[in-house]
Amino acid sequence: MKQPFRIVLIKPSHYDDNGYVIRWQLSSIPSNSLACLYAITKRVCASGALGDDIEIIIDVYDETNQKIPVKKILKQFSSPEALGLVCMVGVQTNQFPRAVDLSRQFISQKITVLIGGFHVSGCFSMLEKVPEDLSSAMSEGITLVAGEVEETWGDILKDELQDQLKPLYNFLNELPSLQAQASPILPEAVVSRYVGALATFDAGRGCPFTCSFCTIINVQGQKSRFRTADDVEAIIRINWKNGIRRYFVTDDDFARNRNWESIFDRLIAIRENEGLKINMILQVDTACHRLPRFIEKAGKAGCHKVFIGLESINPESLKNTGKKQNHVEQYRVMLQDWRRQGVLITAGYIIGFPNDTYESVMSDIEIIKKELPIDLLEFFMLTPLPGSQDHQTLVKQGVWLEPDMNDYDLEHPCAQHPKMSKTEWHRTYKAAWDSFYSDKNVEQLLRRRRADGNSTRRLTEQVMWFYGSILYESIHPLQSGIFRRMDRFERRPGLPIENVFTFILKRFMTFTASAIGILGLHLRLNKIRKRVQSDPNGKFYQDQATKPVIEDKRLAVAS
């Protein structure tokens, strides 16, 4: 009989403003880190590196869409002969408090727990002194892992088997090649819990740019590493057999992947020759249109939605944050190229640069609405995430930073702003959403979409998701999902467990208010869509943003 060795992989969520774990029946964004570590563990298992007498058992949980069965896991480890460990995977800064709270339940029963992810890696990559939350976690017996473990995971597991596990593993200076590595795959049962059965893969890691608010460059490095077209094809074929057709490609900037064309060509070939018609969400920079054939081939390869890091249209803000690759005067040219491929365009806009005020942000949004043909705009508060140059600078200066890591979710002010109070910052953030998703601008967005010959229904659904998440769940759409699930016992330590009747009444009232609000938004948006669709001249609609750029490629905002 082989000795069972259980590896429990958990992607933790984080707490909402009332201290309850954010979890959904279906969540929106899968964890690529979870997919990678699952695949790496499967490869270690297949290699027999732990010995012929060891049987590896892998359990996978994503807390954003599944309650972590703590009692079940404790029971699985209850016998003295039980071997294995629990891993908190891909833990971001705002998820670290929840990861530690979960870990304590296992540590208390003498179960080994590891925590890895961007928070741990970011802190060790940029800070001279280990922050208190990390040192406290290690003092409680939690092992921290910084960096990527494609080539070292087997060694960590051997250390656990030999009772030689270290309190810290730091692989930040040992970034692995991605070629021929384990394909990031999740079990079909896990993928089915994401909206639309969305899967992920990373075709590359690292970024050559120097944005001061970014953690990618300091955790994954500024030297980009890539998977090959063969690697990506293998991922697609494995998932295709399991009925998975949709992907979020997690590369911070796919346009900087030197293998982009060979990957696109391979995907185009298997789409056209074999009918494997997958679709993808890509993240790219604002200069991607300079690459000949990039946008055209992206459309043919199945890119149906693109996220572009617009960040700001204020040249001074872009300059101060080191985002030198963004050239405002070229935005409209680039966006029109994407529209010609029928791709839904999502852009990110950061609120809280040093020069920002309520008036300047609202003015910028009016310019965007008028001059840039963006379908969806999502807003983030400028957040000094551990691992970024911004965070490192503020720590060295000894200025105030929000001590609660749970708030580092890009929706809460975590540092003092030179021109806006916390209240004003919140007001600006909320007003930005209200302005862009006003009925008047939504109608303009739908008219542009129809004139392009694309589906207005799909854009309407996306608007409802984006704006509805803010209005009725008070959660950013990237953290949102379908049907919020809450457990009154899963509340942040230090907060009281509510009376069962009070809890049920509050849940009923908030659920009812949310359902009514979302229904009203649906009816309102559908009314606008029908009006746009019924316009006999709708196919000929054109405004300043969609007017072809021929000679003067500069926008008014650049002058």
Protein backbone atom coordinates (compact mmCIF):
# COMPACT_ATOMS: atom_id res chain seq x y z
CA MET A 1 0.00 0.00 0.00
CA LYS A 2 1.26 3.46 -0.93
CA GLN A 3 1.38 6.23 1.68
CA PRO A 4 -1.17 8.96 0.83
CA PHE A 5 0.29 12.46 0.65
CA ARG A 6 -2.49 15.06 0.47
CA ILE A 7 -1.89 18.48 -1.08
CA VAL A 8 -4.73 20.96 -0.55
CA LEU A 9 -4.60 23.99 -2.86
CA ILE A 10 -6.73 26.93 -1.71
CA LYS A 11 -7.21 30.27 -3.44
CA PRO A 12 -8.48 32.53 -0.63
CA SER A 13 -10.94 35.37 -1.10
CA HIS A 14 -11.04 38.50 1.05
CA TYR A 15 -13.46 40.28 3.36
CA ASP A 16 -16.04 42.90 2.38
CA ASP A 17 -16.50 46.13 4.36
CA ASN A 18 -18.73 44.29 6.85
CA GLY A 19 -16.18 41.58 7.45
CA TYR A 20 -17.87 38.80 5.48
CA VAL A 21 -15.99 36.63 2.99
CA ILE A 22 -16.73 37.63 -0.61
CA ARG A 23 -18.00 34.50 -2.30
CA TRP A 24 -20.38 33.79 -5.18
CA GLN A 25 -22.28 30.91 -6.67
CA LEU A 26 -20.30 31.69 -9.85
CA SER A 27 -17.30 34.02 -9.71
CA SER A 28 -15.86 35.98 -12.61
CA ILE A 29 -12.06 35.67 -12.80
CA PRO A 30 -10.20 32.35 -12.34
CA SER A 31 -6.84 32.19 -10.61
CA ASN A 32 -4.04 31.38 -13.02
CA SER A 33 -1.72 30.76 -10.06
CA LEU A 34 -4.10 28.05 -8.87
CA ALA A 35 -4.11 26.49 -12.35
CA CYS A 36 -0.31 26.63 -12.54
CA LEU A 37 0.30 25.07 -9.13
CA TYR A 38 -2.25 22.34 -9.77
CA ALA A 39 -0.48 21.48 -13.04
CA ILE A 40 2.97 21.64 -11.44
CA THR A 41 1.80 19.32 -8.65
CA LYS A 42 0.37 16.88 -11.20
CA ARG A 43 3.74 16.86 -12.98
CA VAL A 44 5.62 16.16 -9.73
CA CYS A 45 3.15 13.36 -9.07
CA ALA A 46 3.70 11.83 -12.53
CA SER A 47 7.48 12.09 -12.22
CA GLY A 48 7.62 9.91 -9.12
CA ALA A 49 10.04 12.39 -7.58
CA LEU A 50 8.62 11.80 -4.10
CA GLY A 51 9.19 8.07 -4.28
CA ASP A 52 7.35 5.02 -5.52
CA ASP A 53 5.72 4.48 -2.14
CA ILE A 54 3.96 7.88 -2.13
CA GLU A 55 0.49 8.51 -3.59
CA ILE A 56 -0.22 12.20 -4.10
CA ILE A 57 -3.82 13.34 -3.61
CA ILE A 58 -4.65 16.86 -4.84
CA ASP A 59 -7.68 18.86 -3.68
CA VAL A 60 -8.44 22.24 -5.28
CA TYR A 61 -10.64 25.01 -3.83
CA ASP A 62 -11.32 28.58 -4.92
CA GLU A 63 -12.96 30.48 -2.08
CA THR A 64 -14.43 33.08 -4.45
CA ASN A 65 -16.99 30.45 -5.50
CA GLN A 66 -16.76 27.66 -2.94
CA LYS A 67 -16.89 27.49 0.84
CA ILE A 68 -13.64 26.00 2.12
CA PRO A 69 -14.60 22.75 3.91
CA VAL A 70 -12.30 23.31 6.87
CA LYS A 71 -13.82 20.55 9.01
CA LYS A 72 -13.54 18.05 6.16
CA ILE A 73 -9.89 18.94 5.59
CA LEU A 74 -9.11 18.70 9.30
CA LYS A 75 -10.69 15.25 9.37
CA GLN A 76 -8.60 14.15 6.38
CA PHE A 77 -5.46 15.07 8.33
CA SER A 78 -6.69 13.78 11.69
CA SER A 79 -4.86 10.45 11.78
CA PRO A 80 -1.27 10.44 13.11
CA GLU A 81 -0.07 8.83 9.87
CA ALA A 82 -1.62 11.50 7.61
CA LEU A 83 0.92 13.31 5.48
CA GLY A 84 0.58 16.44 3.39
CA LEU A 85 0.13 20.18 3.52
CA VAL A 86 -2.27 23.01 2.84
CA CYS A 87 -1.22 25.72 0.34
CA MET A 88 -2.69 29.20 0.14
CA VAL A 89 -2.13 29.92 -3.54
CA GLY A 90 -1.67 33.17 -5.48
CA VAL A 91 -2.44 35.28 -2.43
CA GLN A 92 -2.77 38.96 -3.31
CA THR A 93 -2.27 41.71 -0.74
CA ASN A 94 -5.99 42.15 -0.02
CA GLN A 95 -6.32 38.37 0.42
CA PHE A 96 -3.45 37.96 2.87
CA PRO A 97 -5.47 38.58 6.06
CA ARG A 98 -8.04 35.98 5.01
CA ALA A 99 -5.27 33.55 4.03
CA VAL A 100 -3.73 33.86 7.51
CA ASP A 101 -7.12 33.45 9.21
CA LEU A 102 -7.73 30.24 7.26
CA SER A 103 -4.18 29.06 7.91
CA ARG A 104 -4.57 29.40 11.68
CA GLN A 105 -7.36 26.85 11.67
CA PHE A 106 -4.98 24.28 10.17
CA ILE A 107 -1.83 25.32 12.04
CA SER A 108 -3.69 24.88 15.33
CA GLN A 109 -4.11 21.20 14.42
CA LYS A 110 -0.44 20.76 13.50
CA ILE A 111 -1.09 20.77 9.75
CA THR A 112 1.63 22.32 7.59
CA VAL A 113 0.54 25.50 5.79
CA LEU A 114 2.31 27.43 3.02
CA ILE A 115 1.38 30.87 1.69
CA GLY A 116 2.64 32.14 -1.66
CA GLY A 117 1.61 34.77 -4.16
CA PHE A 118 2.10 38.40 -5.07
CA HIS A 119 1.92 39.82 -1.55
CA VAL A 120 4.69 37.65 -0.18
CA SER A 121 6.76 37.97 -3.36
CA GLY A 122 6.20 41.72 -3.61
CA CYS A 123 7.28 42.40 -0.04
CA PHE A 124 10.47 40.34 -0.31
CA SER A 125 11.33 41.84 -3.70
CA MET A 126 11.14 45.49 -2.65
CA LEU A 127 11.34 45.94 1.13
CA GLU A 128 14.52 45.97 3.20
CA LYS A 129 12.68 44.89 6.33
CA VAL A 130 10.21 42.02 6.49
CA PRO A 131 6.80 43.61 7.23
CA GLU A 132 5.03 42.71 10.46
CA ASP A 133 2.24 40.71 8.83
CA LEU A 134 4.75 38.37 7.15
CA SER A 135 7.02 38.00 10.18
CA SER A 136 3.98 37.33 12.36
CA ALA A 137 2.77 34.62 9.96
CA MET A 138 6.17 32.89 10.08
CA SER A 139 6.30 33.14 13.88
CA GLU A 140 2.98 31.29 13.99
CA GLY A 141 4.48 28.45 11.97
CA ILE A 142 3.32 29.37 8.46
CA THR A 143 5.86 28.81 5.69
CA LEU A 144 6.12 31.62 3.13
CA VAL A 145 7.07 31.09 -0.51
CA ALA A 146 8.31 33.98 -2.67
CA GLY A 147 8.72 33.63 -6.42
CA GLU A 148 7.76 30.95 -8.92
CA VAL A 149 8.03 27.22 -8.19
CA GLU A 150 7.87 25.46 -11.57
CA GLU A 151 11.33 23.98 -11.00
CA THR A 152 11.44 23.83 -7.18
CA TRP A 153 8.03 22.60 -6.06
CA GLY A 154 9.17 18.98 -5.90
CA ASP A 155 12.02 19.97 -3.56
CA ILE A 156 9.62 21.78 -1.22
CA LEU A 157 7.38 18.72 -1.08
CA LYS A 158 10.41 16.52 -0.33
CA ASP A 159 11.34 18.85 2.54
CA GLU A 160 7.87 18.38 4.00
CA LEU A 161 8.09 14.60 3.65
CA GLN A 162 11.45 14.63 5.44
CA ASP A 163 10.19 17.03 8.13
CA GLN A 164 12.74 19.64 7.00
CA LEU A 165 10.41 22.38 5.77
CA LYS A 166 11.90 25.88 6.06
CA PRO A 167 9.98 28.95 7.31
CA LEU A 168 10.82 30.79 4.07
CA TYR A 169 11.56 29.85 0.45
CA ASN A 170 12.72 32.72 -1.74
CA PHE A 171 13.04 31.99 -5.46
CA LEU A 172 12.77 35.58 -6.72
CA ASN A 173 16.24 35.40 -8.23
CA GLU A 174 15.55 32.03 -9.87
CA LEU A 175 12.87 32.88 -12.42
CA PRO A 176 12.19 29.75 -14.50
CA SER A 177 11.86 29.50 -18.26
CA LEU A 178 8.23 28.92 -19.25
CA GLN A 179 8.91 26.73 -22.28
CA ALA A 180 7.77 23.12 -21.91
CA GLN A 181 6.59 23.77 -18.37
CA ALA A 182 3.40 22.24 -16.99
CA SER A 183 0.34 23.66 -18.74
CA PRO A 184 -1.87 25.73 -16.38
CA ILE A 185 -4.97 23.56 -16.15
CA LEU A 186 -7.76 23.27 -13.58
CA PRO A 187 -10.16 20.34 -13.17
CA GLU A 188 -13.38 20.77 -15.13
CA ALA A 189 -15.39 20.81 -11.88
CA VAL A 190 -13.43 23.86 -10.74
CA VAL A 191 -13.68 25.72 -14.07
CA SER A 192 -17.46 25.16 -14.12
CA ARG A 193 -17.77 27.47 -11.10
CA TYR A 194 -16.65 30.50 -13.11
CA VAL A 195 -19.10 32.53 -15.18
CA GLY A 196 -19.11 31.05 -18.68
CA ALA A 197 -16.69 28.26 -17.67
CA LEU A 198 -13.76 30.65 -18.11
CA ALA A 199 -10.23 29.22 -17.94
CA THR A 200 -6.84 30.94 -17.90
CA PHE A 201 -3.32 30.60 -19.16
CA ASP A 202 -0.24 32.79 -19.21
CA ALA A 203 1.69 32.86 -22.47
CA GLY A 204 4.36 35.02 -20.88
CA ARG A 205 5.49 36.60 -17.63
CA GLY A 206 7.36 39.78 -16.86
CA CYS A 207 7.16 43.25 -18.38
CA PRO A 208 9.83 45.55 -19.83
CA PHE A 209 8.16 48.79 -18.74
CA THR A 210 8.74 50.76 -15.53
CA CYS A 211 5.32 51.86 -14.25
CA SER A 212 5.79 52.89 -10.62
CA PHE A 213 2.44 51.48 -9.47
CA CYS A 214 3.04 48.03 -10.99
CA THR A 215 4.13 44.91 -9.08
CA ILE A 216 4.63 42.68 -12.14
CA ILE A 217 8.04 44.11 -13.02
CA ASN A 218 9.43 43.50 -9.52
CA VAL A 219 7.90 40.07 -8.92
CA GLN A 220 8.04 38.48 -12.38
CA GLY A 221 10.92 40.60 -13.62
CA GLN A 222 11.47 43.09 -16.42
CA LYS A 223 12.93 40.42 -18.66
CA SER A 224 9.96 38.77 -20.32
CA ARG A 225 9.70 34.98 -20.50
CA PHE A 226 7.42 33.15 -22.91
CA ARG A 227 5.61 29.95 -23.69
CA THR A 228 5.82 28.72 -27.27
CA ALA A 229 3.00 28.18 -29.74
CA ASP A 230 3.34 24.44 -29.01
CA ASP A 231 2.82 25.11 -25.29
CA VAL A 232 -0.30 27.20 -25.91
CA GLU A 233 -1.72 24.67 -28.37
CA ALA A 234 -1.29 21.93 -25.76
CA ILE A 235 -3.29 23.99 -23.25
CA ILE A 236 -6.08 24.58 -25.79
CA ARG A 237 -6.33 20.91 -26.78
CA ILE A 238 -6.40 19.61 -23.19
CA ASN A 239 -9.16 22.04 -22.24
CA TRP A 240 -11.08 21.46 -25.48
CA LYS A 241 -11.50 17.81 -24.54
CA ASN A 242 -13.11 18.97 -21.29
CA GLY A 243 -15.52 21.32 -23.07
CA ILE A 244 -13.65 24.51 -22.17
CA ARG A 245 -13.74 27.17 -24.88
CA ARG A 246 -13.15 30.54 -23.16
CA TYR A 247 -9.91 31.97 -21.81
CA PHE A 248 -8.62 34.92 -19.89
CA VAL A 249 -4.98 35.26 -20.97
CA THR A 250 -3.27 36.64 -17.89
CA ASP A 251 -0.17 38.14 -19.53
CA ASP A 252 0.10 41.69 -18.24
CA ASP A 253 0.85 42.75 -21.82
CA PHE A 254 0.41 40.11 -24.53
CA ALA A 255 1.69 42.53 -27.18
CA ARG A 256 5.16 42.35 -25.61
CA ASN A 257 5.26 38.57 -26.05
CA ARG A 258 7.87 37.91 -28.75
CA ASN A 259 5.97 34.74 -29.72
CA TRP A 260 2.68 36.56 -30.23
CA GLU A 261 2.57 36.00 -33.99
CA SER A 262 3.41 32.31 -33.92
CA ILE A 263 0.82 31.80 -31.17
CA PHE A 264 -1.83 33.70 -33.13
CA ASP A 265 -0.97 31.81 -36.32
CA ARG A 266 -1.31 28.48 -34.51
CA LEU A 267 -4.67 29.44 -33.02
CA ILE A 268 -5.92 30.71 -36.39
CA ALA A 269 -4.88 27.43 -38.02
CA ILE A 270 -6.64 25.17 -35.53
CA ARG A 271 -9.73 27.40 -35.63
CA GLU A 272 -9.95 27.32 -39.42
CA ASN A 273 -8.75 23.77 -40.06
CA GLU A 274 -10.15 21.88 -37.08
CA GLY A 275 -13.00 24.03 -35.85
CA LEU A 276 -11.50 24.60 -32.38
CA LYS A 277 -13.09 28.04 -32.12
CA ILE A 278 -11.97 29.26 -28.74
CA ASN A 279 -12.30 32.88 -27.68
CA MET A 280 -9.98 34.95 -25.51
CA ILE A 281 -9.72 38.05 -23.38
CA LEU A 282 -6.33 39.68 -23.90
CA GLN A 283 -4.50 42.41 -21.99
CA VAL A 284 -2.38 44.74 -24.13
CA ASP A 285 -0.71 48.13 -24.03
CA THR A 286 -1.72 51.25 -25.93
CA ALA A 287 1.08 50.82 -28.47
CA CYS A 288 0.06 47.36 -29.71
CA HIS A 289 -1.29 48.76 -32.99
CA ARG A 290 2.26 49.63 -33.99
CA LEU A 291 3.00 45.93 -34.42
CA PRO A 292 2.08 45.06 -38.02
CA ARG A 293 -0.77 42.53 -38.19
CA PHE A 294 -1.09 42.24 -34.39
CA ILE A 295 -4.68 43.46 -34.01
CA GLU A 296 -5.89 41.79 -37.20
CA LYS A 297 -4.44 38.43 -36.19
CA ALA A 298 -5.72 38.81 -32.63
CA GLY A 299 -9.27 39.06 -34.02
CA LYS A 300 -8.81 36.04 -36.27
CA ALA A 301 -7.27 34.02 -33.41
CA GLY A 302 -10.40 34.46 -31.30
CA CYS A 303 -9.81 37.61 -29.25
CA HIS A 304 -13.35 38.86 -28.59
CA LYS A 305 -12.52 41.23 -25.73
CA VAL A 306 -9.42 43.24 -24.96
CA PHE A 307 -8.33 45.08 -21.82
CA ILE A 308 -6.14 48.12 -22.40
CA GLY A 309 -4.32 49.89 -19.59
CA LEU A 310 -5.33 53.42 -20.48
CA GLU A 311 -4.63 54.52 -16.86
CA SER A 312 -5.02 58.24 -17.58
CA ILE A 313 -5.24 60.76 -20.40
CA ASN A 314 -3.28 63.33 -18.41
CA PRO A 315 0.25 63.36 -19.92
CA GLU A 316 1.74 64.70 -16.68
CA SER A 317 0.27 61.84 -14.64
CA LEU A 318 1.54 59.27 -17.12
CA LYS A 319 5.00 60.82 -17.09
CA ASN A 320 5.19 60.91 -13.28
CA THR A 321 4.33 57.21 -12.96
CA GLY A 322 6.88 56.08 -15.54
CA LYS A 323 4.25 54.92 -18.03
CA LYS A 324 6.21 56.28 -20.95
CA GLN A 325 4.74 53.80 -23.42
CA ASN A 326 1.32 55.52 -23.32
CA HIS A 327 1.01 58.20 -25.99
CA VAL A 328 -2.37 59.87 -25.66
CA GLU A 329 -2.35 61.25 -29.19
CA GLN A 330 -2.41 57.72 -30.62
CA TYR A 331 -5.25 56.30 -28.52
CA ARG A 332 -8.01 56.89 -31.06
CA VAL A 333 -6.06 55.29 -33.91
CA MET A 334 -5.40 52.19 -31.80
CA LEU A 335 -8.99 51.90 -30.56
CA GLN A 336 -10.44 52.18 -34.06
CA ASP A 337 -8.14 49.37 -35.20
CA TRP A 338 -9.59 47.10 -32.50
CA ARG A 339 -13.16 48.07 -33.38
CA ARG A 340 -12.65 47.05 -36.99
CA GLN A 341 -12.03 43.50 -35.74
CA GLY A 342 -15.30 43.48 -33.79
CA VAL A 343 -13.45 43.24 -30.47
CA LEU A 344 -15.14 44.58 -27.34
CA ILE A 345 -12.81 47.20 -25.85
CA THR A 346 -12.38 47.52 -22.08
CA ALA A 347 -10.01 50.10 -20.64
CA GLY A 348 -8.75 50.72 -17.14
CA TYR A 349 -8.60 54.23 -15.66
CA ILE A 350 -6.75 54.98 -12.41
CA ILE A 351 -8.05 57.65 -10.04
CA GLY A 352 -5.70 59.16 -7.50
CA PHE A 353 -2.61 60.38 -9.32
CA PRO A 354 -1.03 63.32 -7.44
CA ASN A 355 -2.51 65.92 -9.81
CA ASP A 356 -6.02 64.44 -9.75
CA THR A 357 -8.95 66.36 -8.32
CA TYR A 358 -12.66 65.69 -8.57
CA GLU A 359 -12.92 68.36 -11.28
CA SER A 360 -9.93 67.14 -13.31
CA VAL A 361 -11.07 63.50 -13.27
CA MET A 362 -14.62 64.38 -14.30
CA SER A 363 -13.26 66.59 -17.07
CA ASP A 364 -11.04 63.77 -18.34
CA ILE A 365 -13.97 61.36 -18.39
CA GLU A 366 -16.01 63.80 -20.47
CA ILE A 367 -13.16 63.93 -22.97
CA ILE A 368 -12.95 60.12 -23.05
CA LYS A 369 -16.70 59.82 -23.62
CA LYS A 370 -16.53 62.27 -26.49
CA GLU A 371 -13.26 61.39 -28.19
CA LEU A 372 -12.28 57.76 -27.47
CA PRO A 373 -14.36 54.85 -28.83
CA ILE A 374 -14.10 52.68 -25.73
CA ASP A 375 -16.92 50.21 -25.01
CA LEU A 376 -16.33 49.70 -21.30
CA LEU A 377 -14.32 51.71 -18.80
CA GLU A 378 -13.44 50.40 -15.35
CA PHE A 379 -12.03 52.56 -12.59
CA PHE A 380 -9.41 51.79 -9.95
CA MET A 381 -8.03 53.80 -7.08
CA LEU A 382 -4.27 54.31 -7.27
CA THR A 383 -3.05 51.84 -4.67
CA PRO A 384 0.56 51.51 -3.42
CA LEU A 385 0.64 47.72 -3.61
CA PRO A 386 3.53 45.96 -1.86
CA GLY A 387 5.94 45.05 -4.62
CA SER A 388 5.55 48.35 -6.42
CA GLN A 389 8.01 51.23 -6.52
CA ASP A 390 5.26 53.51 -5.16
CA HIS A 391 4.92 51.35 -2.04
CA GLN A 392 8.68 51.06 -1.58
CA THR A 393 9.10 54.85 -1.80
CA LEU A 394 6.32 55.57 0.69
CA VAL A 395 7.70 53.01 3.16
CA LYS A 396 11.17 54.57 2.96
CA GLN A 397 9.66 58.02 3.50
CA GLY A 398 7.84 56.75 6.57
CA VAL A 399 4.51 58.24 5.51
CA TRP A 400 1.15 56.86 6.57
CA LEU A 401 -0.10 53.79 4.74
CA GLU A 402 -3.31 51.87 5.42
CA PRO A 403 -2.30 49.16 7.92
CA ASP A 404 -5.16 46.81 6.98
CA MET A 405 -4.01 44.76 4.00
CA ASN A 406 -7.62 43.75 3.32
CA ASP A 407 -8.24 47.24 1.92
CA TYR A 408 -5.55 47.01 -0.78
CA ASP A 409 -8.14 45.98 -3.38
CA LEU A 410 -7.93 49.04 -5.69
CA GLU A 411 -11.28 50.30 -4.35
CA HIS A 412 -10.18 51.82 -1.03
CA PRO A 413 -7.80 54.75 -0.44
CA CYS A 414 -4.67 53.29 1.15
CA ALA A 415 -2.47 56.38 1.22
CA GLN A 416 -2.98 60.09 1.72
CA HIS A 417 -3.68 62.09 -1.42
CA PRO A 418 -2.13 65.57 -1.79
CA LYS A 419 -5.31 67.17 -3.17
CA MET A 420 -8.23 64.98 -2.10
CA SER A 421 -9.48 63.81 1.27
CA LYS A 422 -10.53 60.18 1.62
CA THR A 423 -14.17 61.26 1.35
CA GLU A 424 -13.47 63.28 -1.81
CA TRP A 425 -11.53 60.40 -3.31
CA HIS A 426 -14.47 58.05 -2.71
CA ARG A 427 -16.83 60.63 -4.18
CA THR A 428 -14.67 60.97 -7.30
CA TYR A 429 -14.44 57.19 -7.74
CA LYS A 430 -18.22 56.74 -7.50
CA ALA A 431 -18.96 59.76 -9.72
CA ALA A 432 -16.62 58.40 -12.41
CA TRP A 433 -18.70 55.22 -12.70
CA ASP A 434 -21.94 57.21 -12.71
CA SER A 435 -20.69 59.53 -15.43
CA PHE A 436 -19.41 56.93 -17.85
CA TYR A 437 -22.43 54.65 -17.40
CA SER A 438 -25.06 57.38 -17.57
CA ASP A 439 -28.03 56.55 -19.82
CA LYS A 440 -26.88 59.15 -22.33
CA ASN A 441 -23.40 57.70 -22.68
CA VAL A 442 -24.63 54.09 -22.70
CA GLU A 443 -26.84 54.98 -25.66
CA GLN A 444 -23.81 56.47 -27.41
CA LEU A 445 -21.80 53.29 -26.70
CA LEU A 446 -24.57 51.11 -28.16
CA ARG A 447 -24.95 53.33 -31.22
CA ARG A 448 -21.25 52.98 -31.94
CA ARG A 449 -21.49 49.23 -31.50
CA ARG A 450 -24.41 48.92 -33.89
CA ALA A 451 -22.76 51.14 -36.50
CA ASP A 452 -19.75 48.79 -36.36
CA GLY A 453 -22.05 45.89 -37.18
CA ASN A 454 -21.53 44.25 -33.80
CA SER A 455 -23.91 42.92 -31.16
CA THR A 456 -25.53 45.54 -28.96
CA ARG A 457 -26.97 42.82 -26.73
CA ARG A 458 -23.53 41.65 -25.63
CA LEU A 459 -22.42 45.17 -24.75
CA THR A 460 -25.68 45.76 -22.88
CA GLU A 461 -25.04 42.66 -20.78
CA GLN A 462 -21.50 43.80 -20.04
CA VAL A 463 -22.67 47.28 -18.99
CA MET A 464 -25.18 45.67 -16.65
CA TRP A 465 -22.43 43.52 -15.12
CA PHE A 466 -19.94 46.37 -14.72
CA TYR A 467 -22.26 49.08 -13.47
CA GLY A 468 -24.61 46.75 -11.59
CA SER A 469 -21.71 45.40 -9.52
CA ILE A 470 -20.86 48.92 -8.38
CA LEU A 471 -24.44 50.09 -7.83
CA TYR A 472 -25.96 47.11 -6.07
CA GLU A 473 -23.10 45.04 -4.68
CA SER A 474 -20.57 47.83 -3.97
CA ILE A 475 -17.91 45.54 -5.41
CA HIS A 476 -15.64 46.06 -8.39
CA PRO A 477 -16.84 43.99 -11.39
CA LEU A 478 -13.56 42.04 -11.41
CA GLN A 479 -14.43 40.79 -7.91
CA SER A 480 -18.10 40.30 -8.67
CA GLY A 481 -20.08 37.22 -9.60
CA ILE A 482 -23.54 35.70 -9.78
CA PHE A 483 -25.55 35.27 -6.57
CA ARG A 484 -23.64 36.38 -3.48
CA ARG A 485 -23.26 33.63 -0.86
CA MET A 486 -22.69 34.52 2.79
CA ASP A 487 -22.14 32.46 5.91
CA ARG A 488 -22.69 34.28 9.20
CA PHE A 489 -19.91 32.24 10.83
CA GLU A 490 -17.38 33.26 8.17
CA ARG A 491 -16.81 36.71 9.55
CA ARG A 492 -13.49 38.37 10.15
CA PRO A 493 -12.06 37.59 13.60
CA GLY A 494 -12.78 40.38 16.06
CA LEU A 495 -16.23 41.08 14.62
CA PRO A 496 -19.28 39.60 16.38
CA ILE A 497 -21.25 36.71 14.95
CA GLU A 498 -24.64 38.20 14.21
CA ASN A 499 -27.86 36.84 15.65
CA VAL A 500 -29.33 34.33 13.21
CA PHE A 501 -32.59 36.25 12.80
CA THR A 502 -30.80 39.58 12.36
CA PHE A 503 -28.46 38.02 9.80
CA ILE A 504 -31.29 36.43 7.81
CA LEU A 505 -33.31 39.65 7.84
CA LYS A 506 -30.34 41.71 6.64
CA ARG A 507 -29.56 39.18 3.91
CA PHE A 508 -33.16 39.16 2.77
CA MET A 509 -33.29 42.97 2.62
CA THR A 510 -29.97 43.37 0.80
CA PHE A 511 -30.72 40.54 -1.62
CA THR A 512 -34.17 41.95 -2.39
CA ALA A 513 -32.82 45.47 -2.87
CA SER A 514 -30.05 44.15 -5.13
CA ALA A 515 -32.43 41.99 -7.18
CA ILE A 516 -34.90 44.85 -7.65
CA GLY A 517 -32.09 47.25 -8.57
CA ILE A 518 -30.54 44.88 -11.09
CA LEU A 519 -33.94 44.17 -12.63
CA GLY A 520 -34.58 47.90 -12.96
CA LEU A 521 -31.17 48.43 -14.53
CA HIS A 522 -31.82 45.57 -16.95
CA LEU A 523 -35.14 47.06 -18.04
CA ARG A 524 -33.63 50.52 -18.43
CA LEU A 525 -30.68 49.29 -20.47
CA ASN A 526 -32.87 47.07 -22.61
CA LYS A 527 -35.12 50.02 -23.37
CA ILE A 528 -32.10 52.00 -24.55
CA ARG A 529 -30.89 49.06 -26.64
CA LYS A 530 -34.26 48.64 -28.36
CA ARG A 531 -34.33 52.34 -29.16
CA VAL A 532 -30.89 52.08 -30.75
CA GLN A 533 -31.81 48.94 -32.68
CA SER A 534 -35.01 50.45 -34.05
CA ASP A 535 -33.31 53.55 -35.44
CA PRO A 536 -33.44 53.16 -39.28
CA ASN A 537 -30.30 55.28 -39.62
CA GLY A 538 -28.43 53.49 -36.85
CA LYS A 539 -26.00 51.74 -39.19
CA PHE A 540 -24.73 55.12 -40.38
CA TYR A 541 -24.11 56.59 -36.92
CA GLN A 542 -20.80 58.38 -36.45
CA ASP A 543 -19.42 60.71 -33.82
CA GLN A 544 -16.11 62.34 -33.07
CA ALA A 545 -14.65 59.18 -31.54
CA THR A 546 -15.54 56.92 -34.47
CA LYS A 547 -14.75 59.37 -37.24
CA PRO A 548 -11.83 57.94 -39.26
CA VAL A 549 -8.45 59.42 -38.45
CA ILE A 550 -6.73 60.30 -41.72
CA GLU A 551 -4.30 63.18 -41.47
CA ASP A 552 -4.36 64.61 -37.97
CA LYS A 553 -3.91 61.70 -35.55
CA ARG A 554 -3.70 63.93 -32.49
CA LEU A 555 -6.55 64.14 -30.02
CA ALA A 556 -7.75 67.36 -28.51
CA VAL A 557 -6.52 66.10 -25.13
CA ALA A 558 -2.95 66.09 -26.38
CA SER A 559 -2.83 69.75 -27.29
